[in-house]
Amino acid sequence: MKPLRIGIAGTHSTGKTTFCNLAVKALTEKGLRVARVKSFGSDAVNAHIKMLRDHDEDSTLWFITRTISAEIEASVDADVVLIDRPVPDALGYWMAALEYRSESPNSAEKAMIENLVKEYTSTYSLLLATVLDTSIPLGEGRDNDLVFRQLAAKNILATLRHMGTPFIPLEPKNVNSAVEQIVSMALNRGLGEIVC
């Protein structure tokens, strides 16, 4: 049986990693094997790949293909794969960068990437999207351009809606219920053991 693949989308410093940590703990306590696919921001910096405000079509494809490859690798020995930045994030960041720079994409390239993202996104078991709360301080060493951060949040959500992808908005008030939903989904598929 293929593992559940749960994507946690959203702009930077909105609680994706914290949510993943809670979900891993809850899932492993039920005897489930959990794998995580990290964000590739640090790898992009090391490889001199354009990102954030400089995001372009090539870097968008780089993030998408890296994420897909990592998800496939993570799926080999897992019941549940948690993805910090599923493939729609890359498209959302590209659209945010274009809006930030007041540029328009090449329509053929945009259509190709949108088709790739739409087709691949349909394979996720569940998507969650963090909601930006600008009153929460940024994490250490994070990009602090609030305008771009808001554009990224807006464009990620717009990408998910444009793809017609159902998703759960993830806010502090529903984090625990979202974790419970993931655990329930996994257990209802016969994965792991129910621990009383």
N, C-alpha and C. Protein backbone atom coordinates (compact mmCIF):
# COMPACT_ATOMS: atom_id res chain seq x y z
N MET A 1 0.84 -1.18 0.00
CA MET A 1 0.00 0.00 0.00
C MET A 1 0.89 1.25 0.00
N LYS A 2 0.55 2.20 -0.85
CA LYS A 2 1.31 3.45 -0.89
C LYS A 2 1.06 4.23 0.40
N PRO A 3 2.08 4.95 0.86
CA PRO A 3 1.88 5.73 2.09
C PRO A 3 0.97 6.93 1.86
N LEU A 4 0.40 7.40 2.96
CA LEU A 4 -0.28 8.68 2.91
C LEU A 4 0.78 9.74 2.66
N ARG A 5 0.47 10.70 1.80
CA ARG A 5 1.40 11.81 1.58
C ARG A 5 0.67 13.10 1.94
N ILE A 6 1.17 13.75 2.97
CA ILE A 6 0.53 14.93 3.53
C ILE A 6 1.43 16.13 3.27
N GLY A 7 0.93 17.11 2.51
CA GLY A 7 1.70 18.31 2.21
C GLY A 7 1.30 19.45 3.11
N ILE A 8 2.29 20.15 3.64
CA ILE A 8 2.05 21.34 4.47
C ILE A 8 2.61 22.53 3.72
N ALA A 9 1.72 23.30 3.11
CA ALA A 9 2.10 24.44 2.27
C ALA A 9 2.07 25.73 3.09
N GLY A 10 2.73 26.74 2.56
CA GLY A 10 2.66 28.05 3.21
C GLY A 10 3.95 28.83 3.12
N THR A 11 3.84 30.12 3.32
CA THR A 11 5.02 30.98 3.28
C THR A 11 5.91 30.70 4.49
N HIS A 12 7.11 31.27 4.48
CA HIS A 12 8.09 30.97 5.51
C HIS A 12 7.68 31.51 6.88
N SER A 13 8.12 30.75 7.90
CA SER A 13 7.87 31.08 9.32
C SER A 13 6.39 31.19 9.64
N THR A 14 5.64 30.17 9.23
CA THR A 14 4.21 30.15 9.56
C THR A 14 3.82 28.86 10.30
N GLY A 15 4.80 28.14 10.83
CA GLY A 15 4.50 27.00 11.68
C GLY A 15 4.51 25.64 11.01
N LYS A 16 5.02 25.55 9.79
CA LYS A 16 5.03 24.25 9.09
C LYS A 16 5.90 23.22 9.82
N THR A 17 7.10 23.62 10.21
CA THR A 17 8.01 22.69 10.88
C THR A 17 7.46 22.29 12.24
N THR A 18 6.92 23.24 12.97
CA THR A 18 6.31 22.95 14.27
C THR A 18 5.17 21.95 14.12
N PHE A 19 4.34 22.16 13.10
CA PHE A 19 3.24 21.24 12.85
C PHE A 19 3.77 19.84 12.52
N CYS A 20 4.78 19.78 11.66
CA CYS A 20 5.38 18.48 11.30
C CYS A 20 5.90 17.76 12.53
N ASN A 21 6.55 18.49 13.44
CA ASN A 21 7.07 17.87 14.66
C ASN A 21 5.94 17.26 15.49
N LEU A 22 4.83 17.97 15.62
CA LEU A 22 3.68 17.46 16.37
C LEU A 22 3.09 16.23 15.69
N ALA A 23 2.97 16.30 14.37
CA ALA A 23 2.39 15.18 13.62
C ALA A 23 3.28 13.95 13.71
N VAL A 24 4.60 14.12 13.60
CA VAL A 24 5.52 12.98 13.71
C VAL A 24 5.36 12.30 15.07
N LYS A 25 5.32 13.10 16.12
CA LYS A 25 5.18 12.54 17.47
C LYS A 25 3.87 11.75 17.59
N ALA A 26 2.77 12.33 17.15
CA ALA A 26 1.47 11.66 17.27
C ALA A 26 1.41 10.38 16.43
N LEU A 27 1.97 10.42 15.24
CA LEU A 27 1.94 9.26 14.35
C LEU A 27 2.83 8.13 14.85
N THR A 28 4.04 8.47 15.29
CA THR A 28 4.96 7.43 15.76
C THR A 28 4.45 6.79 17.05
N GLU A 29 3.74 7.56 17.87
CA GLU A 29 3.14 6.99 19.09
C GLU A 29 2.10 5.92 18.76
N LYS A 30 1.55 5.96 17.56
CA LYS A 30 0.58 4.96 17.11
C LYS A 30 1.24 3.82 16.35
N GLY A 31 2.56 3.80 16.36
CA GLY A 31 3.28 2.71 15.69
C GLY A 31 3.45 2.89 14.20
N LEU A 32 3.26 4.10 13.71
CA LEU A 32 3.38 4.37 12.28
C LEU A 32 4.80 4.81 11.92
N ARG A 33 5.24 4.38 10.76
CA ARG A 33 6.55 4.79 10.24
C ARG A 33 6.35 6.11 9.48
N VAL A 34 7.07 7.13 9.89
CA VAL A 34 6.89 8.47 9.33
C VAL A 34 8.18 8.95 8.69
N ALA A 35 8.08 9.48 7.49
CA ALA A 35 9.22 10.11 6.82
C ALA A 35 8.87 11.57 6.58
N ARG A 36 9.89 12.41 6.58
CA ARG A 36 9.68 13.84 6.33
C ARG A 36 10.48 14.27 5.11
N VAL A 37 9.85 15.10 4.31
CA VAL A 37 10.55 15.75 3.19
C VAL A 37 10.71 17.21 3.59
N LYS A 38 11.94 17.62 3.70
CA LYS A 38 12.26 18.97 4.15
C LYS A 38 12.08 19.99 3.02
N SER A 39 12.10 21.22 3.42
CA SER A 39 12.17 22.31 2.45
C SER A 39 13.58 22.33 1.86
N PHE A 40 13.72 22.76 0.62
CA PHE A 40 15.03 22.74 -0.04
C PHE A 40 15.67 24.12 -0.14
N GLY A 41 15.25 25.05 0.74
CA GLY A 41 15.81 26.40 0.71
C GLY A 41 17.31 26.44 0.91
N SER A 42 17.82 25.70 1.90
CA SER A 42 19.27 25.70 2.15
C SER A 42 20.04 25.10 0.98
N ASP A 43 19.48 24.03 0.40
CA ASP A 43 20.12 23.41 -0.77
C ASP A 43 20.16 24.38 -1.94
N ALA A 44 19.08 25.17 -2.09
CA ALA A 44 19.03 26.15 -3.18
C ALA A 44 20.11 27.20 -3.01
N VAL A 45 20.30 27.67 -1.78
CA VAL A 45 21.34 28.67 -1.50
C VAL A 45 22.71 28.09 -1.87
N ASN A 46 22.96 26.85 -1.43
CA ASN A 46 24.26 26.22 -1.70
C ASN A 46 24.50 25.98 -3.19
N ALA A 47 23.41 25.75 -3.93
CA ALA A 47 23.53 25.48 -5.38
C ALA A 47 23.38 26.76 -6.22
N HIS A 48 23.24 27.90 -5.55
CA HIS A 48 23.07 29.20 -6.23
C HIS A 48 21.81 29.22 -7.11
N ILE A 49 20.75 28.58 -6.60
CA ILE A 49 19.45 28.58 -7.29
C ILE A 49 18.68 29.81 -6.84
N LYS A 50 18.06 30.48 -7.77
CA LYS A 50 17.30 31.69 -7.44
C LYS A 50 16.10 31.32 -6.57
N MET A 51 15.82 32.17 -5.59
CA MET A 51 14.67 31.93 -4.73
C MET A 51 14.15 33.23 -4.16
N LEU A 52 13.06 33.12 -3.42
CA LEU A 52 12.36 34.26 -2.85
C LEU A 52 12.05 35.28 -3.94
N ARG A 53 12.46 36.52 -3.78
CA ARG A 53 12.11 37.56 -4.76
C ARG A 53 12.70 37.31 -6.14
N ASP A 54 13.76 36.50 -6.22
CA ASP A 54 14.43 36.22 -7.49
C ASP A 54 13.94 34.95 -8.18
N HIS A 55 12.99 34.27 -7.56
CA HIS A 55 12.44 33.02 -8.10
C HIS A 55 12.11 33.19 -9.59
N ASP A 56 12.46 32.20 -10.41
CA ASP A 56 12.10 32.24 -11.83
C ASP A 56 11.61 30.86 -12.25
N GLU A 57 11.36 30.68 -13.56
CA GLU A 57 10.80 29.40 -14.01
C GLU A 57 11.77 28.24 -13.80
N ASP A 58 13.08 28.48 -13.97
CA ASP A 58 14.05 27.40 -13.76
C ASP A 58 14.12 26.99 -12.29
N SER A 59 14.16 27.97 -11.39
CA SER A 59 14.22 27.61 -9.98
C SER A 59 12.91 26.95 -9.53
N THR A 60 11.81 27.35 -10.13
CA THR A 60 10.53 26.72 -9.81
C THR A 60 10.57 25.24 -10.18
N LEU A 61 11.07 24.92 -11.36
CA LEU A 61 11.20 23.52 -11.78
C LEU A 61 12.20 22.78 -10.90
N TRP A 62 13.27 23.45 -10.49
CA TRP A 62 14.25 22.82 -9.62
C TRP A 62 13.60 22.41 -8.30
N PHE A 63 12.86 23.32 -7.68
CA PHE A 63 12.18 23.00 -6.42
C PHE A 63 11.16 21.89 -6.61
N ILE A 64 10.40 21.94 -7.69
CA ILE A 64 9.38 20.91 -7.94
C ILE A 64 10.02 19.54 -8.10
N THR A 65 11.04 19.45 -8.94
CA THR A 65 11.64 18.13 -9.20
C THR A 65 12.38 17.60 -7.99
N ARG A 66 13.03 18.46 -7.22
CA ARG A 66 13.69 18.02 -5.99
C ARG A 66 12.66 17.47 -5.01
N THR A 67 11.55 18.15 -4.89
CA THR A 67 10.51 17.72 -3.96
C THR A 67 9.91 16.38 -4.39
N ILE A 68 9.60 16.25 -5.68
CA ILE A 68 9.03 14.99 -6.17
C ILE A 68 10.00 13.84 -5.93
N SER A 69 11.27 14.02 -6.26
CA SER A 69 12.27 12.97 -6.04
C SER A 69 12.36 12.59 -4.57
N ALA A 70 12.39 13.58 -3.70
CA ALA A 70 12.49 13.31 -2.26
C ALA A 70 11.25 12.59 -1.75
N GLU A 71 10.08 12.95 -2.27
CA GLU A 71 8.85 12.27 -1.85
C GLU A 71 8.89 10.80 -2.26
N ILE A 72 9.36 10.51 -3.46
CA ILE A 72 9.45 9.12 -3.93
C ILE A 72 10.40 8.33 -3.04
N GLU A 73 11.56 8.91 -2.73
CA GLU A 73 12.53 8.24 -1.87
C GLU A 73 11.95 8.01 -0.47
N ALA A 74 11.26 9.00 0.06
CA ALA A 74 10.71 8.91 1.41
C ALA A 74 9.59 7.88 1.49
N SER A 75 8.94 7.62 0.38
CA SER A 75 7.79 6.71 0.36
C SER A 75 8.17 5.23 0.44
N VAL A 76 9.44 4.93 0.25
CA VAL A 76 9.88 3.53 0.20
C VAL A 76 9.61 2.80 1.50
N ASP A 77 9.92 3.41 2.64
CA ASP A 77 9.80 2.73 3.93
C ASP A 77 8.95 3.52 4.92
N ALA A 78 7.85 4.09 4.48
CA ALA A 78 7.04 4.90 5.38
C ALA A 78 5.56 4.58 5.21
N ASP A 79 4.84 4.77 6.30
CA ASP A 79 3.38 4.69 6.24
C ASP A 79 2.79 6.06 5.92
N VAL A 80 3.49 7.10 6.41
CA VAL A 80 3.05 8.48 6.21
C VAL A 80 4.27 9.30 5.84
N VAL A 81 4.14 10.11 4.80
CA VAL A 81 5.20 11.04 4.40
C VAL A 81 4.65 12.45 4.60
N LEU A 82 5.37 13.24 5.39
CA LEU A 82 5.01 14.64 5.63
C LEU A 82 5.93 15.51 4.78
N ILE A 83 5.33 16.38 3.97
CA ILE A 83 6.11 17.21 3.04
C ILE A 83 6.03 18.67 3.46
N ASP A 84 7.16 19.22 3.89
CA ASP A 84 7.27 20.64 4.22
C ASP A 84 7.53 21.37 2.90
N ARG A 85 6.53 21.97 2.35
CA ARG A 85 6.54 22.65 1.05
C ARG A 85 6.27 21.67 -0.09
N PRO A 86 5.03 21.25 -0.25
CA PRO A 86 4.68 20.41 -1.40
C PRO A 86 4.81 21.20 -2.70
N VAL A 87 4.69 20.53 -3.83
CA VAL A 87 5.00 21.17 -5.12
C VAL A 87 4.23 22.46 -5.41
N PRO A 88 2.97 22.64 -4.96
CA PRO A 88 2.32 23.93 -5.26
C PRO A 88 3.04 25.14 -4.68
N ASP A 89 3.82 24.94 -3.61
CA ASP A 89 4.55 26.07 -3.02
C ASP A 89 5.49 26.72 -4.01
N ALA A 90 6.19 25.90 -4.79
CA ALA A 90 7.17 26.45 -5.74
C ALA A 90 6.49 27.36 -6.75
N LEU A 91 5.34 26.93 -7.26
CA LEU A 91 4.60 27.77 -8.20
C LEU A 91 4.10 29.04 -7.52
N GLY A 92 3.61 28.92 -6.29
CA GLY A 92 3.16 30.10 -5.55
C GLY A 92 4.27 31.10 -5.32
N TYR A 93 5.46 30.61 -5.00
CA TYR A 93 6.60 31.51 -4.79
C TYR A 93 7.02 32.19 -6.09
N TRP A 94 6.95 31.46 -7.19
CA TRP A 94 7.29 32.08 -8.47
C TRP A 94 6.31 33.19 -8.80
N MET A 95 5.01 32.91 -8.63
CA MET A 95 4.01 33.93 -8.91
C MET A 95 4.19 35.14 -7.99
N ALA A 96 4.55 34.89 -6.73
CA ALA A 96 4.80 35.99 -5.79
C ALA A 96 5.99 36.82 -6.23
N ALA A 97 7.06 36.15 -6.69
CA ALA A 97 8.25 36.87 -7.14
C ALA A 97 7.94 37.73 -8.36
N LEU A 98 7.17 37.18 -9.28
CA LEU A 98 6.79 37.96 -10.47
C LEU A 98 5.96 39.17 -10.08
N GLU A 99 5.02 38.98 -9.18
CA GLU A 99 4.19 40.10 -8.73
C GLU A 99 5.05 41.14 -8.02
N TYR A 100 5.97 40.69 -7.20
CA TYR A 100 6.87 41.59 -6.47
C TYR A 100 7.69 42.43 -7.44
N ARG A 101 8.14 41.80 -8.53
CA ARG A 101 8.98 42.49 -9.52
C ARG A 101 8.17 43.16 -10.62
N SER A 102 6.84 43.08 -10.54
CA SER A 102 5.94 43.63 -11.57
C SER A 102 6.27 43.07 -12.95
N GLU A 103 6.46 41.74 -13.01
CA GLU A 103 6.76 41.05 -14.26
C GLU A 103 5.65 40.06 -14.59
N SER A 104 5.60 39.67 -15.85
CA SER A 104 4.66 38.66 -16.30
C SER A 104 5.44 37.43 -16.76
N PRO A 105 4.88 36.23 -16.50
CA PRO A 105 5.58 35.02 -16.93
C PRO A 105 5.41 34.76 -18.42
N ASN A 106 6.31 33.98 -18.98
CA ASN A 106 6.11 33.46 -20.33
C ASN A 106 4.91 32.52 -20.25
N SER A 107 3.89 32.75 -21.08
CA SER A 107 2.64 32.00 -20.95
C SER A 107 2.82 30.50 -21.19
N ALA A 108 3.69 30.12 -22.13
CA ALA A 108 3.90 28.69 -22.40
C ALA A 108 4.59 28.01 -21.22
N GLU A 109 5.60 28.68 -20.64
CA GLU A 109 6.30 28.12 -19.49
C GLU A 109 5.36 28.02 -18.29
N LYS A 110 4.56 29.04 -18.09
CA LYS A 110 3.62 29.03 -16.97
C LYS A 110 2.62 27.89 -17.14
N ALA A 111 2.09 27.71 -18.34
CA ALA A 111 1.11 26.64 -18.59
C ALA A 111 1.73 25.27 -18.33
N MET A 112 2.97 25.08 -18.78
CA MET A 112 3.64 23.80 -18.58
C MET A 112 3.83 23.51 -17.09
N ILE A 113 4.29 24.51 -16.34
CA ILE A 113 4.52 24.31 -14.91
C ILE A 113 3.20 24.12 -14.18
N GLU A 114 2.18 24.89 -14.54
CA GLU A 114 0.86 24.72 -13.91
C GLU A 114 0.32 23.32 -14.15
N ASN A 115 0.47 22.81 -15.37
CA ASN A 115 -0.02 21.45 -15.67
C ASN A 115 0.72 20.41 -14.85
N LEU A 116 2.04 20.56 -14.75
CA LEU A 116 2.84 19.64 -13.95
C LEU A 116 2.38 19.66 -12.49
N VAL A 117 2.25 20.87 -11.94
CA VAL A 117 1.84 21.00 -10.54
C VAL A 117 0.44 20.43 -10.33
N LYS A 118 -0.48 20.72 -11.22
CA LYS A 118 -1.86 20.24 -11.06
C LYS A 118 -1.91 18.71 -11.10
N GLU A 119 -1.24 18.12 -12.06
CA GLU A 119 -1.26 16.66 -12.18
C GLU A 119 -0.62 16.01 -10.96
N TYR A 120 0.52 16.53 -10.54
CA TYR A 120 1.21 15.92 -9.41
C TYR A 120 0.46 16.15 -8.10
N THR A 121 -0.11 17.32 -7.93
CA THR A 121 -0.80 17.65 -6.68
C THR A 121 -1.97 16.71 -6.43
N SER A 122 -2.55 16.18 -7.49
CA SER A 122 -3.69 15.27 -7.32
C SER A 122 -3.28 13.96 -6.62
N THR A 123 -1.97 13.71 -6.48
CA THR A 123 -1.52 12.48 -5.84
C THR A 123 -1.38 12.62 -4.32
N TYR A 124 -1.52 13.83 -3.79
CA TYR A 124 -1.42 14.01 -2.33
C TYR A 124 -2.68 13.47 -1.66
N SER A 125 -2.48 12.86 -0.49
CA SER A 125 -3.61 12.36 0.29
C SER A 125 -4.34 13.50 0.97
N LEU A 126 -3.59 14.51 1.40
CA LEU A 126 -4.15 15.65 2.11
C LEU A 126 -3.19 16.82 2.00
N LEU A 127 -3.74 18.00 1.84
CA LEU A 127 -2.94 19.22 1.85
C LEU A 127 -3.44 20.15 2.96
N LEU A 128 -2.51 20.75 3.65
CA LEU A 128 -2.81 21.78 4.63
C LEU A 128 -2.06 23.03 4.19
N ALA A 129 -2.60 24.18 4.49
CA ALA A 129 -1.94 25.44 4.12
C ALA A 129 -1.95 26.37 5.32
N THR A 130 -0.76 26.74 5.77
CA THR A 130 -0.67 27.64 6.92
C THR A 130 -1.22 29.02 6.56
N VAL A 131 -1.75 29.67 7.56
CA VAL A 131 -2.30 31.02 7.41
C VAL A 131 -1.30 31.98 8.04
N LEU A 132 -0.89 32.98 7.28
CA LEU A 132 0.10 33.94 7.76
C LEU A 132 -0.49 34.82 8.85
N ASP A 133 0.21 34.89 9.96
CA ASP A 133 -0.13 35.80 11.05
C ASP A 133 1.09 36.69 11.25
N THR A 134 1.02 37.93 10.79
CA THR A 134 2.18 38.82 10.82
C THR A 134 2.56 39.26 12.24
N SER A 135 1.72 38.96 13.23
CA SER A 135 2.06 39.32 14.60
C SER A 135 3.03 38.32 15.23
N ILE A 136 3.18 37.14 14.60
CA ILE A 136 4.11 36.13 15.11
C ILE A 136 5.50 36.45 14.56
N PRO A 137 6.50 36.57 15.45
CA PRO A 137 7.84 36.95 14.98
C PRO A 137 8.45 35.90 14.05
N LEU A 138 9.29 36.37 13.15
CA LEU A 138 10.00 35.49 12.23
C LEU A 138 11.03 34.66 12.96
N GLY A 139 11.29 33.48 12.41
CA GLY A 139 12.34 32.62 12.96
C GLY A 139 13.71 33.23 12.70
N GLU A 140 14.68 32.73 13.42
CA GLU A 140 16.07 33.20 13.30
C GLU A 140 16.58 33.05 11.87
N GLY A 141 17.18 34.11 11.34
CA GLY A 141 17.81 34.07 10.02
C GLY A 141 16.84 34.03 8.85
N ARG A 142 15.57 34.29 9.09
CA ARG A 142 14.58 34.24 8.02
C ARG A 142 14.51 35.58 7.29
N ASP A 143 14.14 35.51 6.02
CA ASP A 143 13.95 36.72 5.22
C ASP A 143 12.83 37.54 5.86
N ASN A 144 13.09 38.82 6.12
CA ASN A 144 12.12 39.63 6.85
C ASN A 144 11.38 40.64 5.99
N ASP A 145 11.34 40.41 4.69
CA ASP A 145 10.61 41.30 3.79
C ASP A 145 9.12 40.94 3.89
N LEU A 146 8.39 41.73 4.68
CA LEU A 146 6.98 41.43 4.94
C LEU A 146 6.14 41.49 3.68
N VAL A 147 6.45 42.42 2.78
CA VAL A 147 5.67 42.53 1.53
C VAL A 147 5.78 41.24 0.74
N PHE A 148 7.01 40.73 0.57
CA PHE A 148 7.17 39.50 -0.19
C PHE A 148 6.53 38.32 0.54
N ARG A 149 6.69 38.28 1.85
CA ARG A 149 6.10 37.19 2.64
C ARG A 149 4.58 37.15 2.45
N GLN A 150 3.95 38.31 2.46
CA GLN A 150 2.50 38.36 2.25
C GLN A 150 2.13 37.95 0.83
N LEU A 151 2.93 38.36 -0.15
CA LEU A 151 2.67 37.95 -1.53
C LEU A 151 2.82 36.44 -1.69
N ALA A 152 3.82 35.87 -1.02
CA ALA A 152 4.00 34.42 -1.09
C ALA A 152 2.81 33.70 -0.48
N ALA A 153 2.36 34.16 0.68
CA ALA A 153 1.19 33.55 1.33
C ALA A 153 -0.03 33.63 0.42
N LYS A 154 -0.26 34.80 -0.16
CA LYS A 154 -1.41 35.00 -1.03
C LYS A 154 -1.34 34.11 -2.27
N ASN A 155 -0.16 34.04 -2.88
CA ASN A 155 -0.02 33.28 -4.14
C ASN A 155 -0.01 31.77 -3.93
N ILE A 156 0.46 31.31 -2.79
CA ILE A 156 0.38 29.88 -2.50
C ILE A 156 -1.08 29.46 -2.38
N LEU A 157 -1.86 30.24 -1.63
CA LEU A 157 -3.29 29.93 -1.50
C LEU A 157 -4.00 30.04 -2.84
N ALA A 158 -3.64 31.05 -3.63
CA ALA A 158 -4.25 31.22 -4.96
C ALA A 158 -3.91 30.03 -5.86
N THR A 159 -2.68 29.53 -5.75
CA THR A 159 -2.27 28.37 -6.55
C THR A 159 -3.11 27.15 -6.18
N LEU A 160 -3.27 26.91 -4.89
CA LEU A 160 -4.08 25.77 -4.45
C LEU A 160 -5.52 25.89 -4.95
N ARG A 161 -6.06 27.08 -4.84
CA ARG A 161 -7.45 27.29 -5.31
C ARG A 161 -7.54 27.12 -6.83
N HIS A 162 -6.57 27.67 -7.55
CA HIS A 162 -6.56 27.58 -9.01
C HIS A 162 -6.45 26.13 -9.47
N MET A 163 -5.72 25.33 -8.71
CA MET A 163 -5.56 23.91 -9.05
C MET A 163 -6.83 23.12 -8.72
N GLY A 164 -7.74 23.75 -7.98
CA GLY A 164 -8.94 23.04 -7.56
C GLY A 164 -8.64 22.01 -6.49
N THR A 165 -7.58 22.24 -5.75
CA THR A 165 -7.12 21.28 -4.75
C THR A 165 -7.77 21.57 -3.40
N PRO A 166 -8.47 20.59 -2.85
CA PRO A 166 -9.00 20.80 -1.49
C PRO A 166 -7.84 20.90 -0.49
N PHE A 167 -7.94 21.78 0.46
CA PHE A 167 -6.92 21.90 1.49
C PHE A 167 -7.55 22.41 2.77
N ILE A 168 -6.86 22.15 3.86
CA ILE A 168 -7.31 22.61 5.17
C ILE A 168 -6.45 23.80 5.56
N PRO A 169 -7.07 24.97 5.82
CA PRO A 169 -6.27 26.10 6.33
C PRO A 169 -5.76 25.73 7.73
N LEU A 170 -4.48 25.96 7.96
CA LEU A 170 -3.85 25.56 9.22
C LEU A 170 -3.51 26.81 10.03
N GLU A 171 -4.23 26.95 11.15
CA GLU A 171 -4.03 28.07 12.05
C GLU A 171 -3.75 27.52 13.44
N PRO A 172 -3.19 28.33 14.34
CA PRO A 172 -2.92 27.82 15.70
C PRO A 172 -4.13 27.16 16.35
N LYS A 173 -5.33 27.67 16.09
CA LYS A 173 -6.52 27.14 16.76
C LYS A 173 -6.92 25.74 16.29
N ASN A 174 -6.46 25.30 15.10
CA ASN A 174 -6.88 23.97 14.64
C ASN A 174 -5.70 23.02 14.41
N VAL A 175 -4.54 23.34 14.96
CA VAL A 175 -3.36 22.47 14.78
C VAL A 175 -3.63 21.09 15.35
N ASN A 176 -4.14 21.02 16.58
CA ASN A 176 -4.36 19.72 17.22
C ASN A 176 -5.39 18.89 16.46
N SER A 177 -6.45 19.52 16.00
CA SER A 177 -7.47 18.76 15.26
C SER A 177 -6.93 18.28 13.91
N ALA A 178 -6.04 19.06 13.30
CA ALA A 178 -5.42 18.63 12.03
C ALA A 178 -4.51 17.43 12.26
N VAL A 179 -3.75 17.44 13.35
CA VAL A 179 -2.90 16.30 13.69
C VAL A 179 -3.78 15.07 13.91
N GLU A 180 -4.86 15.23 14.66
CA GLU A 180 -5.78 14.12 14.92
C GLU A 180 -6.37 13.57 13.62
N GLN A 181 -6.69 14.45 12.69
CA GLN A 181 -7.24 14.01 11.40
C GLN A 181 -6.23 13.16 10.63
N ILE A 182 -4.96 13.57 10.64
CA ILE A 182 -3.92 12.80 9.95
C ILE A 182 -3.76 11.43 10.59
N VAL A 183 -3.72 11.38 11.92
CA VAL A 183 -3.59 10.10 12.62
C VAL A 183 -4.78 9.21 12.29
N SER A 184 -5.98 9.77 12.31
CA SER A 184 -7.19 9.01 12.00
C SER A 184 -7.16 8.47 10.57
N MET A 185 -6.73 9.31 9.63
CA MET A 185 -6.62 8.85 8.24
C MET A 185 -5.68 7.65 8.13
N ALA A 186 -4.55 7.74 8.81
CA ALA A 186 -3.56 6.65 8.74
C ALA A 186 -4.10 5.38 9.38
N LEU A 187 -4.70 5.51 10.55
CA LEU A 187 -5.21 4.32 11.25
C LEU A 187 -6.39 3.70 10.51
N ASN A 188 -7.22 4.51 9.89
CA ASN A 188 -8.38 3.99 9.14
C ASN A 188 -7.97 3.25 7.87
N ARG A 189 -6.73 3.46 7.44
CA ARG A 189 -6.22 2.70 6.30
C ARG A 189 -5.57 1.41 6.75
N GLY A 190 -5.61 1.13 8.06
CA GLY A 190 -5.02 -0.11 8.57
C GLY A 190 -3.54 0.01 8.82
N LEU A 191 -3.03 1.22 8.92
CA LEU A 191 -1.61 1.42 9.18
C LEU A 191 -1.37 1.54 10.68
N GLY A 192 -0.35 0.87 11.16
CA GLY A 192 0.01 1.01 12.57
C GLY A 192 -0.94 0.28 13.50
N GLU A 193 -0.72 0.51 14.79
CA GLU A 193 -1.54 -0.11 15.82
C GLU A 193 -2.23 0.99 16.61
N ILE A 194 -3.46 0.72 17.01
CA ILE A 194 -4.15 1.67 17.86
C ILE A 194 -3.65 1.45 19.28
N VAL A 195 -3.12 2.50 19.87
CA VAL A 195 -2.59 2.43 21.22
C VAL A 195 -3.60 3.09 22.16
N CYS A 196 -4.08 2.33 23.15
CA CYS A 196 -5.06 2.88 24.11
C CYS A 196 -4.37 3.44 25.33
